[in-house]
Amino acid sequence: MILRYLAAALLIGAGVALQFVPLYRARLAPLIARRPWLRIIEWRLVQIAAGFGLVALGIDCLR
């Protein structure tokens, strides 16, 4: 039960955190330079879709 709540909190937190990626662009630049596949998180459409998806999964875990 507690593990389920923890997973839900992590999913919801990750979904919300994705919405703030543009604010941390300067800090993420070195990480993205080393791992070019992470460039996809700079796309706003991906941030919104993945963020809502993670939040929805987190809410679903709470049911």
PDB file of N, CA and C in Angstrom:
ATOM      1  N   MET A   1       0.824  -1.192   0.000  1.00  0.00           N
ATOM      2  CA  MET A   1       0.000   0.000   0.000  1.00  0.00           C
ATOM      3  C   MET A   1       0.874   1.264   0.000  1.00  0.00           C
ATOM      4  N   ILE A   2       1.854   1.288   0.893  1.00  0.00           N
ATOM      5  CA  ILE A   2       2.736   2.452   0.961  1.00  0.00           C
ATOM      6  C   ILE A   2       3.572   2.550  -0.311  1.00  0.00           C
ATOM      7  N   LEU A   3       3.978   1.410  -0.839  1.00  0.00           N
ATOM      8  CA  LEU A   3       4.757   1.400  -2.079  1.00  0.00           C
ATOM      9  C   LEU A   3       3.946   1.983  -3.234  1.00  0.00           C
ATOM     10  N   ARG A   4       2.659   1.710  -3.237  1.00  0.00           N
ATOM     11  CA  ARG A   4       1.775   2.263  -4.265  1.00  0.00           C
ATOM     12  C   ARG A   4       1.690   3.783  -4.163  1.00  0.00           C
ATOM     13  N   TYR A   5       1.566   4.289  -2.934  1.00  0.00           N
ATOM     14  CA  TYR A   5       1.514   5.738  -2.738  1.00  0.00           C
ATOM     15  C   TYR A   5       2.842   6.391  -3.118  1.00  0.00           C
ATOM     16  N   LEU A   6       3.937   5.718  -2.803  1.00  0.00           N
ATOM     17  CA  LEU A   6       5.251   6.243  -3.165  1.00  0.00           C
ATOM     18  C   LEU A   6       5.414   6.304  -4.681  1.00  0.00           C
ATOM     19  N   ALA A   7       5.006   5.247  -5.365  1.00  0.00           N
ATOM     20  CA  ALA A   7       5.079   5.230  -6.828  1.00  0.00           C
ATOM     21  C   ALA A   7       4.203   6.324  -7.421  1.00  0.00           C
ATOM     22  N   ALA A   8       3.007   6.508  -6.868  1.00  0.00           N
ATOM     23  CA  ALA A   8       2.109   7.555  -7.359  1.00  0.00           C
ATOM     24  C   ALA A   8       2.723   8.930  -7.151  1.00  0.00           C
ATOM     25  N   ALA A   9       3.319   9.154  -5.984  1.00  0.00           N
ATOM     26  CA  ALA A   9       3.944  10.446  -5.701  1.00  0.00           C
ATOM     27  C   ALA A   9       5.109  10.708  -6.646  1.00  0.00           C
ATOM     28  N   LEU A  10       5.907   9.686  -6.929  1.00  0.00           N
ATOM     29  CA  LEU A  10       7.033   9.852  -7.846  1.00  0.00           C
ATOM     30  C   LEU A  10       6.561  10.139  -9.272  1.00  0.00           C
ATOM     31  N   LEU A  11       5.531   9.439  -9.711  1.00  0.00           N
ATOM     32  CA  LEU A  11       4.999   9.671 -11.059  1.00  0.00           C
ATOM     33  C   LEU A  11       4.429  11.080 -11.188  1.00  0.00           C
ATOM     34  N   ILE A  12       3.651  11.497 -10.212  1.00  0.00           N
ATOM     35  CA  ILE A  12       3.058  12.834 -10.252  1.00  0.00           C
ATOM     36  C   ILE A  12       4.152  13.895 -10.161  1.00  0.00           C
ATOM     37  N   GLY A  13       5.125  13.679  -9.291  1.00  0.00           N
ATOM     38  CA  GLY A  13       6.236  14.625  -9.165  1.00  0.00           C
ATOM     39  C   GLY A  13       7.046  14.754 -10.446  1.00  0.00           C
ATOM     40  N   ALA A  14       7.296  13.634 -11.107  1.00  0.00           N
ATOM     41  CA  ALA A  14       8.038  13.668 -12.375  1.00  0.00           C
ATOM     42  C   ALA A  14       7.234  14.382 -13.454  1.00  0.00           C
ATOM     43  N   GLY A  15       5.925  14.161 -13.460  1.00  0.00           N
ATOM     44  CA  GLY A  15       5.070  14.836 -14.437  1.00  0.00           C
ATOM     45  C   GLY A  15       5.060  16.339 -14.252  1.00  0.00           C
ATOM     46  N   VAL A  16       5.014  16.766 -13.001  1.00  0.00           N
ATOM     47  CA  VAL A  16       5.036  18.204 -12.710  1.00  0.00           C
ATOM     48  C   VAL A  16       6.421  18.776 -13.007  1.00  0.00           C
ATOM     49  N   ALA A  17       7.469  18.046 -12.660  1.00  0.00           N
ATOM     50  CA  ALA A  17       8.836  18.522 -12.899  1.00  0.00           C
ATOM     51  C   ALA A  17       9.115  18.728 -14.384  1.00  0.00           C
ATOM     52  N   LEU A  18       8.521  17.908 -15.233  1.00  0.00           N
ATOM     53  CA  LEU A  18       8.718  18.074 -16.679  1.00  0.00           C
ATOM     54  C   LEU A  18       8.222  19.429 -17.170  1.00  0.00           C
ATOM     55  N   GLN A  19       7.264  19.997 -16.483  1.00  0.00           N
ATOM     56  CA  GLN A  19       6.726  21.285 -16.906  1.00  0.00           C
ATOM     57  C   GLN A  19       7.715  22.425 -16.657  1.00  0.00           C
ATOM     58  N   PHE A  20       8.721  22.183 -15.809  1.00  0.00           N
ATOM     59  CA  PHE A  20       9.680  23.225 -15.461  1.00  0.00           C
ATOM     60  C   PHE A  20      11.028  23.065 -16.157  1.00  0.00           C
ATOM     61  N   VAL A  21      11.120  22.183 -17.127  1.00  0.00           N
ATOM     62  CA  VAL A  21      12.371  21.972 -17.862  1.00  0.00           C
ATOM     63  C   VAL A  21      12.877  23.269 -18.504  1.00  0.00           C
ATOM     64  N   PRO A  22      12.020  24.110 -19.102  1.00  0.00           N
ATOM     65  CA  PRO A  22      12.540  25.338 -19.718  1.00  0.00           C
ATOM     66  C   PRO A  22      13.250  26.270 -18.731  1.00  0.00           C
ATOM     67  N   LEU A  23      12.874  26.226 -17.468  1.00  0.00           N
ATOM     68  CA  LEU A  23      13.519  27.085 -16.475  1.00  0.00           C
ATOM     69  C   LEU A  23      14.947  26.644 -16.167  1.00  0.00           C
ATOM     70  N   TYR A  24      15.238  25.375 -16.376  1.00  0.00           N
ATOM     71  CA  TYR A  24      16.551  24.833 -16.049  1.00  0.00           C
ATOM     72  C   TYR A  24      17.355  24.475 -17.290  1.00  0.00           C
ATOM     73  N   ARG A  25      17.078  25.137 -18.389  1.00  0.00           N
ATOM     74  CA  ARG A  25      17.752  24.831 -19.654  1.00  0.00           C
ATOM     75  C   ARG A  25      19.270  24.982 -19.538  1.00  0.00           C
ATOM     76  N   ALA A  26      19.744  26.026 -18.845  1.00  0.00           N
ATOM     77  CA  ALA A  26      21.190  26.243 -18.718  1.00  0.00           C
ATOM     78  C   ALA A  26      21.845  25.124 -17.907  1.00  0.00           C
ATOM     79  N   ARG A  27      21.175  24.662 -16.874  1.00  0.00           N
ATOM     80  CA  ARG A  27      21.733  23.583 -16.051  1.00  0.00           C
ATOM     81  C   ARG A  27      21.690  22.237 -16.771  1.00  0.00           C
ATOM     82  N   LEU A  28      20.700  22.058 -17.627  1.00  0.00           N
ATOM     83  CA  LEU A  28      20.560  20.789 -18.339  1.00  0.00           C
ATOM     84  C   LEU A  28      21.434  20.714 -19.591  1.00  0.00           C
ATOM     85  N   ALA A  29      21.954  21.842 -20.057  1.00  0.00           N
ATOM     86  CA  ALA A  29      22.732  21.872 -21.302  1.00  0.00           C
ATOM     87  C   ALA A  29      23.923  20.906 -21.287  1.00  0.00           C
ATOM     88  N   PRO A  30      24.738  20.866 -20.220  1.00  0.00           N
ATOM     89  CA  PRO A  30      25.858  19.905 -20.237  1.00  0.00           C
ATOM     90  C   PRO A  30      25.390  18.448 -20.281  1.00  0.00           C
ATOM     91  N   LEU A  31      24.313  18.146 -19.594  1.00  0.00           N
ATOM     92  CA  LEU A  31      23.781  16.785 -19.599  1.00  0.00           C
ATOM     93  C   LEU A  31      23.269  16.406 -20.984  1.00  0.00           C
ATOM     94  N   ILE A  32      22.590  17.344 -21.635  1.00  0.00           N
ATOM     95  CA  ILE A  32      22.060  17.088 -22.976  1.00  0.00           C
ATOM     96  C   ILE A  32      23.199  16.991 -23.994  1.00  0.00           C
ATOM     97  N   ALA A  33      24.275  17.746 -23.766  1.00  0.00           N
ATOM     98  CA  ALA A  33      25.423  17.664 -24.678  1.00  0.00           C
ATOM     99  C   ALA A  33      26.075  16.282 -24.620  1.00  0.00           C
ATOM    100  N   ARG A  34      26.102  15.678 -23.431  1.00  0.00           N
ATOM    101  CA  ARG A  34      26.691  14.336 -23.297  1.00  0.00           C
ATOM    102  C   ARG A  34      25.752  13.242 -23.776  1.00  0.00           C
ATOM    103  N   ARG A  35      24.460  13.485 -23.649  1.00  0.00           N
ATOM    104  CA  ARG A  35      23.458  12.480 -24.043  1.00  0.00           C
ATOM    105  C   ARG A  35      22.452  13.128 -24.997  1.00  0.00           C
ATOM    106  N   PRO A  36      22.765  13.139 -26.289  1.00  0.00           N
ATOM    107  CA  PRO A  36      21.908  13.829 -27.264  1.00  0.00           C
ATOM    108  C   PRO A  36      20.471  13.321 -27.312  1.00  0.00           C
ATOM    109  N   TRP A  37      20.231  12.085 -26.912  1.00  0.00           N
ATOM    110  CA  TRP A  37      18.861  11.564 -26.941  1.00  0.00           C
ATOM    111  C   TRP A  37      17.971  12.286 -25.931  1.00  0.00           C
ATOM    112  N   LEU A  38      18.563  12.994 -24.960  1.00  0.00           N
ATOM    113  CA  LEU A  38      17.765  13.760 -23.992  1.00  0.00           C
ATOM    114  C   LEU A  38      17.227  15.068 -24.579  1.00  0.00           C
ATOM    115  N   ARG A  39      17.673  15.406 -25.780  1.00  0.00           N
ATOM    116  CA  ARG A  39      17.214  16.642 -26.418  1.00  0.00           C
ATOM    117  C   ARG A  39      15.694  16.664 -26.589  1.00  0.00           C
ATOM    118  N   ILE A  40      15.101  15.493 -26.607  1.00  0.00           N
ATOM    119  CA  ILE A  40      13.652  15.400 -26.795  1.00  0.00           C
ATOM    120  C   ILE A  40      12.884  16.076 -25.650  1.00  0.00           C
ATOM    121  N   ILE A  41      13.475  16.153 -24.444  1.00  0.00           N
ATOM    122  CA  ILE A  41      12.743  16.786 -23.339  1.00  0.00           C
ATOM    123  C   ILE A  41      12.697  18.305 -23.478  1.00  0.00           C
ATOM    124  N   GLU A  42      13.424  18.859 -24.445  1.00  0.00           N
ATOM    125  CA  GLU A  42      13.344  20.296 -24.687  1.00  0.00           C
ATOM    126  C   GLU A  42      12.105  20.668 -25.498  1.00  0.00           C
ATOM    127  N   TRP A  43      11.480  19.692 -26.144  1.00  0.00           N
ATOM    128  CA  TRP A  43      10.296  19.970 -26.956  1.00  0.00           C
ATOM    129  C   TRP A  43       9.089  20.139 -26.050  1.00  0.00           C
ATOM    130  N   ARG A  44       8.404  21.258 -26.183  1.00  0.00           N
ATOM    131  CA  ARG A  44       7.282  21.572 -25.299  1.00  0.00           C
ATOM    132  C   ARG A  44       6.144  20.561 -25.432  1.00  0.00           C
ATOM    133  N   LEU A  45       5.892  20.108 -26.647  1.00  0.00           N
ATOM    134  CA  LEU A  45       4.815  19.137 -26.846  1.00  0.00           C
ATOM    135  C   LEU A  45       5.104  17.836 -26.093  1.00  0.00           C
ATOM    136  N   VAL A  46       6.356  17.408 -26.101  1.00  0.00           N
ATOM    137  CA  VAL A  46       6.740  16.198 -25.370  1.00  0.00           C
ATOM    138  C   VAL A  46       6.611  16.430 -23.870  1.00  0.00           C
ATOM    139  N   GLN A  47       7.001  17.618 -23.404  1.00  0.00           N
ATOM    140  CA  GLN A  47       6.884  17.935 -21.980  1.00  0.00           C
ATOM    141  C   GLN A  47       5.433  17.871 -21.527  1.00  0.00           C
ATOM    142  N   ILE A  48       4.551  18.445 -22.313  1.00  0.00           N
ATOM    143  CA  ILE A  48       3.136  18.464 -21.938  1.00  0.00           C
ATOM    144  C   ILE A  48       2.543  17.064 -21.993  1.00  0.00           C
ATOM    145  N   ALA A  49       2.785  16.351 -23.089  1.00  0.00           N
ATOM    146  CA  ALA A  49       2.200  15.016 -23.242  1.00  0.00           C
ATOM    147  C   ALA A  49       2.741  14.048 -22.189  1.00  0.00           C
ATOM    148  N   ALA A  50       4.048  14.025 -22.017  1.00  0.00           N
ATOM    149  CA  ALA A  50       4.638  13.114 -21.029  1.00  0.00           C
ATOM    150  C   ALA A  50       4.250  13.525 -19.614  1.00  0.00           C
ATOM    151  N   GLY A  51       4.191  14.834 -19.364  1.00  0.00           N
ATOM    152  CA  GLY A  51       3.790  15.308 -18.035  1.00  0.00           C
ATOM    153  C   GLY A  51       2.379  14.894 -17.682  1.00  0.00           C
ATOM    154  N   PHE A  52       1.455  15.115 -18.595  1.00  0.00           N
ATOM    155  CA  PHE A  52       0.073  14.698 -18.335  1.00  0.00           C
ATOM    156  C   PHE A  52      -0.032  13.182 -18.222  1.00  0.00           C
ATOM    157  N   GLY A  53       0.737  12.471 -19.032  1.00  0.00           N
ATOM    158  CA  GLY A  53       0.722  11.010 -18.958  1.00  0.00           C
ATOM    159  C   GLY A  53       1.213  10.501 -17.612  1.00  0.00           C
ATOM    160  N   LEU A  54       2.308  11.079 -17.123  1.00  0.00           N
ATOM    161  CA  LEU A  54       2.833  10.658 -15.824  1.00  0.00           C
ATOM    162  C   LEU A  54       1.883  11.011 -14.685  1.00  0.00           C
ATOM    163  N   VAL A  55       1.286  12.195 -14.750  1.00  0.00           N
ATOM    164  CA  VAL A  55       0.320  12.584 -13.717  1.00  0.00           C
ATOM    165  C   VAL A  55      -0.890  11.660 -13.760  1.00  0.00           C
ATOM    166  N   ALA A  56      -1.354  11.335 -14.954  1.00  0.00           N
ATOM    167  CA  ALA A  56      -2.505  10.427 -15.078  1.00  0.00           C
ATOM    168  C   ALA A  56      -2.176   9.042 -14.524  1.00  0.00           C
ATOM    169  N   LEU A  57      -0.974   8.541 -14.803  1.00  0.00           N
ATOM    170  CA  LEU A  57      -0.566   7.248 -14.246  1.00  0.00           C
ATOM    171  C   LEU A  57      -0.483   7.303 -12.722  1.00  0.00           C
ATOM    172  N   GLY A  58       0.029   8.421 -12.206  1.00  0.00           N
ATOM    173  CA  GLY A  58       0.109   8.578 -10.758  1.00  0.00           C
ATOM    174  C   GLY A  58      -1.258   8.602 -10.104  1.00  0.00           C
ATOM    175  N   ILE A  59      -2.192   9.306 -10.715  1.00  0.00           N
ATOM    176  CA  ILE A  59      -3.552   9.350 -10.180  1.00  0.00           C
ATOM    177  C   ILE A  59      -4.199   7.979 -10.277  1.00  0.00           C
ATOM    178  N   ASP A  60      -3.927   7.280 -11.361  1.00  0.00           N
ATOM    179  CA  ASP A  60      -4.483   5.934 -11.521  1.00  0.00           C
ATOM    180  C   ASP A  60      -3.938   4.979 -10.451  1.00  0.00           C
ATOM    181  N   CYS A  61      -2.691   5.172 -10.046  1.00  0.00           N
ATOM    182  CA  CYS A  61      -2.120   4.335  -8.981  1.00  0.00           C
ATOM    183  C   CYS A  61      -2.830   4.558  -7.648  1.00  0.00           C
ATOM    184  N   LEU A  62      -3.393   5.733  -7.464  1.00  0.00           N
ATOM    185  CA  LEU A  62      -4.059   6.045  -6.196  1.00  0.00           C
ATOM    186  C   LEU A  62      -5.455   5.455  -6.099  1.00  0.00           C
ATOM    187  N   ARG A  63      -5.986   4.955  -7.188  1.00  0.00           N
ATOM    188  CA  ARG A  63      -7.340   4.378  -7.157  1.00  0.00           C
ATOM    189  C   ARG A  63      -7.337   2.996  -6.591  1.00  0.00           C
TER     190      ARG A  63
END
